[in-house]
Amino acid sequence: MFGTGWGLAPEAYEVCDDVLEPVDTGSGYNHLSVRSAASIVVDRLFGMREGSPGT
């Protein structure tokens, strides 16, 4: 589930098992295309697998 630049409604968090940190560009701009956000999330998820570099 992906939220807006302002996050998700509190009710959405109630049904989530886990939450990744928001993508922060450091620019103060709070919009990212869903395509870009999804690719970053997939990278983070695969990067957290056991046995991968950095774990």
PDB file of N, CA and C in Angstrom:
ATOM      1  N   MET A   1       0.855  -1.158   0.000  1.00  0.00           N
ATOM      2  CA  MET A   1       0.000   0.000   0.000  1.00  0.00           C
ATOM      3  C   MET A   1       0.904   1.224   0.000  1.00  0.00           C
ATOM      4  N   PHE A   2       0.592   2.167  -0.830  1.00  0.00           N
ATOM      5  CA  PHE A   2       1.377   3.395  -0.906  1.00  0.00           C
ATOM      6  C   PHE A   2       0.484   4.571  -0.529  1.00  0.00           C
ATOM      7  N   GLY A   3       1.050   5.501   0.235  1.00  0.00           N
ATOM      8  CA  GLY A   3       0.294   6.660   0.671  1.00  0.00           C
ATOM      9  C   GLY A   3       0.566   7.860  -0.221  1.00  0.00           C
ATOM     10  N   THR A   4       0.067   8.974   0.199  1.00  0.00           N
ATOM     11  CA  THR A   4       0.292  10.232  -0.508  1.00  0.00           C
ATOM     12  C   THR A   4       1.541  10.888   0.071  1.00  0.00           C
ATOM     13  N   GLY A   5       1.858  12.065  -0.392  1.00  0.00           N
ATOM     14  CA  GLY A   5       2.977  12.814   0.168  1.00  0.00           C
ATOM     15  C   GLY A   5       2.788  13.146   1.634  1.00  0.00           C
ATOM     16  N   TRP A   6       1.565  12.991   2.118  1.00  0.00           N
ATOM     17  CA  TRP A   6       1.269  13.286   3.518  1.00  0.00           C
ATOM     18  C   TRP A   6       1.032  12.022   4.326  1.00  0.00           C
ATOM     19  N   GLY A   7       1.319  10.864   3.733  1.00  0.00           N
ATOM     20  CA  GLY A   7       1.190   9.606   4.461  1.00  0.00           C
ATOM     21  C   GLY A   7      -0.147   8.925   4.223  1.00  0.00           C
ATOM     22  N   LEU A   8      -0.501   8.060   5.154  1.00  0.00           N
ATOM     23  CA  LEU A   8      -1.740   7.284   5.072  1.00  0.00           C
ATOM     24  C   LEU A   8      -2.682   7.695   6.186  1.00  0.00           C
ATOM     25  N   ALA A   9      -3.938   7.391   6.006  1.00  0.00           N
ATOM     26  CA  ALA A   9      -4.911   7.617   7.074  1.00  0.00           C
ATOM     27  C   ALA A   9      -4.582   6.686   8.247  1.00  0.00           C
ATOM     28  N   PRO A  10      -4.830   7.115   9.468  1.00  0.00           N
ATOM     29  CA  PRO A  10      -4.543   6.270  10.633  1.00  0.00           C
ATOM     30  C   PRO A  10      -5.183   4.888  10.541  1.00  0.00           C
ATOM     31  N   GLU A  11      -6.350   4.791   9.929  1.00  0.00           N
ATOM     32  CA  GLU A  11      -7.028   3.500   9.801  1.00  0.00           C
ATOM     33  C   GLU A  11      -6.230   2.531   8.917  1.00  0.00           C
ATOM     34  N   ALA A  12      -5.496   3.051   7.962  1.00  0.00           N
ATOM     35  CA  ALA A  12      -4.693   2.197   7.085  1.00  0.00           C
ATOM     36  C   ALA A  12      -3.563   1.534   7.859  1.00  0.00           C
ATOM     37  N   TYR A  13      -2.971   2.254   8.800  1.00  0.00           N
ATOM     38  CA  TYR A  13      -1.884   1.689   9.606  1.00  0.00           C
ATOM     39  C   TYR A  13      -2.372   0.548  10.491  1.00  0.00           C
ATOM     40  N   GLU A  14      -3.627   0.585  10.862  1.00  0.00           N
ATOM     41  CA  GLU A  14      -4.176  -0.451  11.741  1.00  0.00           C
ATOM     42  C   GLU A  14      -4.178  -1.829  11.088  1.00  0.00           C
ATOM     43  N   VAL A  15      -4.214  -1.901   9.768  1.00  0.00           N
ATOM     44  CA  VAL A  15      -4.255  -3.191   9.073  1.00  0.00           C
ATOM     45  C   VAL A  15      -2.889  -3.592   8.514  1.00  0.00           C
ATOM     46  N   CYS A  16      -1.864  -2.790   8.757  1.00  0.00           N
ATOM     47  CA  CYS A  16      -0.525  -3.093   8.253  1.00  0.00           C
ATOM     48  C   CYS A  16       0.241  -3.977   9.231  1.00  0.00           C
ATOM     49  N   ASP A  17       1.007  -4.906   8.682  1.00  0.00           N
ATOM     50  CA  ASP A  17       1.881  -5.736   9.500  1.00  0.00           C
ATOM     51  C   ASP A  17       3.200  -5.035   9.785  1.00  0.00           C
ATOM     52  N   ASP A  18       3.664  -4.225   8.853  1.00  0.00           N
ATOM     53  CA  ASP A  18       4.937  -3.532   8.995  1.00  0.00           C
ATOM     54  C   ASP A  18       4.896  -2.267   8.147  1.00  0.00           C
ATOM     55  N   VAL A  19       5.755  -1.323   8.456  1.00  0.00           N
ATOM     56  CA  VAL A  19       5.796  -0.054   7.736  1.00  0.00           C
ATOM     57  C   VAL A  19       7.254   0.283   7.441  1.00  0.00           C
ATOM     58  N   LEU A  20       7.555   0.600   6.183  1.00  0.00           N
ATOM     59  CA  LEU A  20       8.893   1.059   5.819  1.00  0.00           C
ATOM     60  C   LEU A  20       8.973   2.563   6.024  1.00  0.00           C
ATOM     61  N   GLU A  21      10.172   3.034   6.278  1.00  0.00           N
ATOM     62  CA  GLU A  21      10.377   4.476   6.422  1.00  0.00           C
ATOM     63  C   GLU A  21      10.060   5.166   5.102  1.00  0.00           C
ATOM     64  N   PRO A  22       9.522   6.375   5.144  1.00  0.00           N
ATOM     65  CA  PRO A  22       9.246   7.111   3.905  1.00  0.00           C
ATOM     66  C   PRO A  22      10.534   7.402   3.139  1.00  0.00           C
ATOM     67  N   VAL A  23      10.413   7.557   1.844  1.00  0.00           N
ATOM     68  CA  VAL A  23      11.547   7.930   1.011  1.00  0.00           C
ATOM     69  C   VAL A  23      11.743   9.427   1.175  1.00  0.00           C
ATOM     70  N   ASP A  24      12.918   9.824   1.649  1.00  0.00           N
ATOM     71  CA  ASP A  24      13.205  11.244   1.882  1.00  0.00           C
ATOM     72  C   ASP A  24      14.311  11.680   0.939  1.00  0.00           C
ATOM     73  N   THR A  25      14.017  12.629   0.082  1.00  0.00           N
ATOM     74  CA  THR A  25      15.019  13.117  -0.857  1.00  0.00           C
ATOM     75  C   THR A  25      15.883  14.213  -0.257  1.00  0.00           C
ATOM     76  N   GLY A  26      15.478  14.741   0.887  1.00  0.00           N
ATOM     77  CA  GLY A  26      16.232  15.819   1.508  1.00  0.00           C
ATOM     78  C   GLY A  26      15.939  17.177   0.897  1.00  0.00           C
ATOM     79  N   SER A  27      15.044  17.220  -0.076  1.00  0.00           N
ATOM     80  CA  SER A  27      14.759  18.475  -0.766  1.00  0.00           C
ATOM     81  C   SER A  27      13.504  19.169  -0.236  1.00  0.00           C
ATOM     82  N   GLY A  28      12.739  18.478   0.611  1.00  0.00           N
ATOM     83  CA  GLY A  28      11.493  19.046   1.087  1.00  0.00           C
ATOM     84  C   GLY A  28      10.329  18.791   0.147  1.00  0.00           C
ATOM     85  N   TYR A  29      10.624  18.261  -1.033  1.00  0.00           N
ATOM     86  CA  TYR A  29       9.593  17.940  -2.018  1.00  0.00           C
ATOM     87  C   TYR A  29       9.008  16.586  -1.640  1.00  0.00           C
ATOM     88  N   ASN A  30       7.693  16.516  -1.434  1.00  0.00           N
ATOM     89  CA  ASN A  30       7.099  15.287  -0.907  1.00  0.00           C
ATOM     90  C   ASN A  30       6.252  14.538  -1.930  1.00  0.00           C
ATOM     91  N   HIS A  31       6.706  14.485  -3.166  1.00  0.00           N
ATOM     92  CA  HIS A  31       5.967  13.731  -4.180  1.00  0.00           C
ATOM     93  C   HIS A  31       6.932  12.828  -4.934  1.00  0.00           C
ATOM     94  N   LEU A  32       6.512  11.601  -5.135  1.00  0.00           N
ATOM     95  CA  LEU A  32       7.299  10.640  -5.884  1.00  0.00           C
ATOM     96  C   LEU A  32       6.311   9.796  -6.673  1.00  0.00           C
ATOM     97  N   SER A  33       6.593   9.534  -7.925  1.00  0.00           N
ATOM     98  CA  SER A  33       5.656   8.724  -8.707  1.00  0.00           C
ATOM     99  C   SER A  33       5.533   7.339  -8.083  1.00  0.00           C
ATOM    100  N   VAL A  34       4.386   6.706  -8.260  1.00  0.00           N
ATOM    101  CA  VAL A  34       4.168   5.367  -7.710  1.00  0.00           C
ATOM    102  C   VAL A  34       5.197   4.406  -8.290  1.00  0.00           C
ATOM    103  N   ARG A  35       5.514   4.556  -9.549  1.00  0.00           N
ATOM    104  CA  ARG A  35       6.514   3.687 -10.194  1.00  0.00           C
ATOM    105  C   ARG A  35       7.860   3.805  -9.487  1.00  0.00           C
ATOM    106  N   SER A  36       8.282   5.016  -9.203  1.00  0.00           N
ATOM    107  CA  SER A  36       9.560   5.217  -8.522  1.00  0.00           C
ATOM    108  C   SER A  36       9.507   4.714  -7.086  1.00  0.00           C
ATOM    109  N   ALA A  37       8.424   5.013  -6.396  1.00  0.00           N
ATOM    110  CA  ALA A  37       8.280   4.561  -5.009  1.00  0.00           C
ATOM    111  C   ALA A  37       8.276   3.040  -4.933  1.00  0.00           C
ATOM    112  N   ALA A  38       7.578   2.390  -5.853  1.00  0.00           N
ATOM    113  CA  ALA A  38       7.516   0.925  -5.851  1.00  0.00           C
ATOM    114  C   ALA A  38       8.896   0.325  -6.088  1.00  0.00           C
ATOM    115  N   SER A  39       9.674   0.906  -6.995  1.00  0.00           N
ATOM    116  CA  SER A  39      11.006   0.355  -7.259  1.00  0.00           C
ATOM    117  C   SER A  39      11.919   0.508  -6.048  1.00  0.00           C
ATOM    118  N   ILE A  40      11.802   1.606  -5.326  1.00  0.00           N
ATOM    119  CA  ILE A  40      12.603   1.803  -4.120  1.00  0.00           C
ATOM    120  C   ILE A  40      12.181   0.825  -3.041  1.00  0.00           C
ATOM    121  N   VAL A  41      10.887   0.617  -2.876  1.00  0.00           N
ATOM    122  CA  VAL A  41      10.385  -0.315  -1.864  1.00  0.00           C
ATOM    123  C   VAL A  41      10.839  -1.739  -2.170  1.00  0.00           C
ATOM    124  N   VAL A  42      10.750  -2.151  -3.426  1.00  0.00           N
ATOM    125  CA  VAL A  42      11.205  -3.496  -3.798  1.00  0.00           C
ATOM    126  C   VAL A  42      12.689  -3.642  -3.489  1.00  0.00           C
ATOM    127  N   ASP A  43      13.477  -2.629  -3.789  1.00  0.00           N
ATOM    128  CA  ASP A  43      14.903  -2.666  -3.484  1.00  0.00           C
ATOM    129  C   ASP A  43      15.133  -2.793  -1.980  1.00  0.00           C
ATOM    130  N   ARG A  44      14.407  -2.043  -1.193  1.00  0.00           N
ATOM    131  CA  ARG A  44      14.552  -2.128   0.272  1.00  0.00           C
ATOM    132  C   ARG A  44      14.169  -3.503   0.789  1.00  0.00           C
ATOM    133  N   LEU A  45      13.085  -4.054   0.278  1.00  0.00           N
ATOM    134  CA  LEU A  45      12.632  -5.363   0.745  1.00  0.00           C
ATOM    135  C   LEU A  45      13.635  -6.460   0.396  1.00  0.00           C
ATOM    136  N   PHE A  46      14.129  -6.459  -0.823  1.00  0.00           N
ATOM    137  CA  PHE A  46      15.113  -7.476  -1.195  1.00  0.00           C
ATOM    138  C   PHE A  46      16.439  -7.238  -0.498  1.00  0.00           C
ATOM    139  N   GLY A  47      16.745  -5.997  -0.188  1.00  0.00           N
ATOM    140  CA  GLY A  47      17.974  -5.681   0.527  1.00  0.00           C
ATOM    141  C   GLY A  47      17.944  -6.144   1.967  1.00  0.00           C
ATOM    142  N   MET A  48      16.752  -6.410   2.511  1.00  0.00           N
ATOM    143  CA  MET A  48      16.638  -6.840   3.907  1.00  0.00           C
ATOM    144  C   MET A  48      16.677  -8.356   4.047  1.00  0.00           C
ATOM    145  N   ARG A  49      16.785  -9.089   2.932  1.00  0.00           N
ATOM    146  CA  ARG A  49      16.808 -10.542   3.005  1.00  0.00           C
ATOM    147  C   ARG A  49      18.050 -11.014   3.729  1.00  0.00           C
ATOM    148  N   GLU A  50      17.914 -12.078   4.475  1.00  0.00           N
ATOM    149  CA  GLU A  50      19.025 -12.676   5.195  1.00  0.00           C
ATOM    150  C   GLU A  50      20.074 -13.147   4.202  1.00  0.00           C
ATOM    151  N   GLY A  51      21.311 -12.877   4.496  1.00  0.00           N
ATOM    152  CA  GLY A  51      22.404 -13.315   3.623  1.00  0.00           C
ATOM    153  C   GLY A  51      22.788 -12.323   2.557  1.00  0.00           C
ATOM    154  N   SER A  52      22.006 -11.251   2.418  1.00  0.00           N
ATOM    155  CA  SER A  52      22.361 -10.258   1.420  1.00  0.00           C
ATOM    156  C   SER A  52      23.424  -9.330   2.010  1.00  0.00           C
ATOM    157  N   PRO A  53      24.209  -8.667   1.169  1.00  0.00           N
ATOM    158  CA  PRO A  53      25.253  -7.772   1.678  1.00  0.00           C
ATOM    159  C   PRO A  53      24.673  -6.744   2.648  1.00  0.00           C
ATOM    160  N   GLY A  54      25.370  -6.534   3.729  1.00  0.00           N
ATOM    161  CA  GLY A  54      24.946  -5.544   4.714  1.00  0.00           C
ATOM    162  C   GLY A  54      24.024  -6.077   5.782  1.00  0.00           C
ATOM    163  N   THR A  55      23.690  -7.378   5.753  1.00  0.00           N
ATOM    164  CA  THR A  55      22.822  -7.927   6.812  1.00  0.00           C
ATOM    165  C   THR A  55      23.607  -8.818   7.720  1.00  0.00           C
TER     166      THR A  55
END
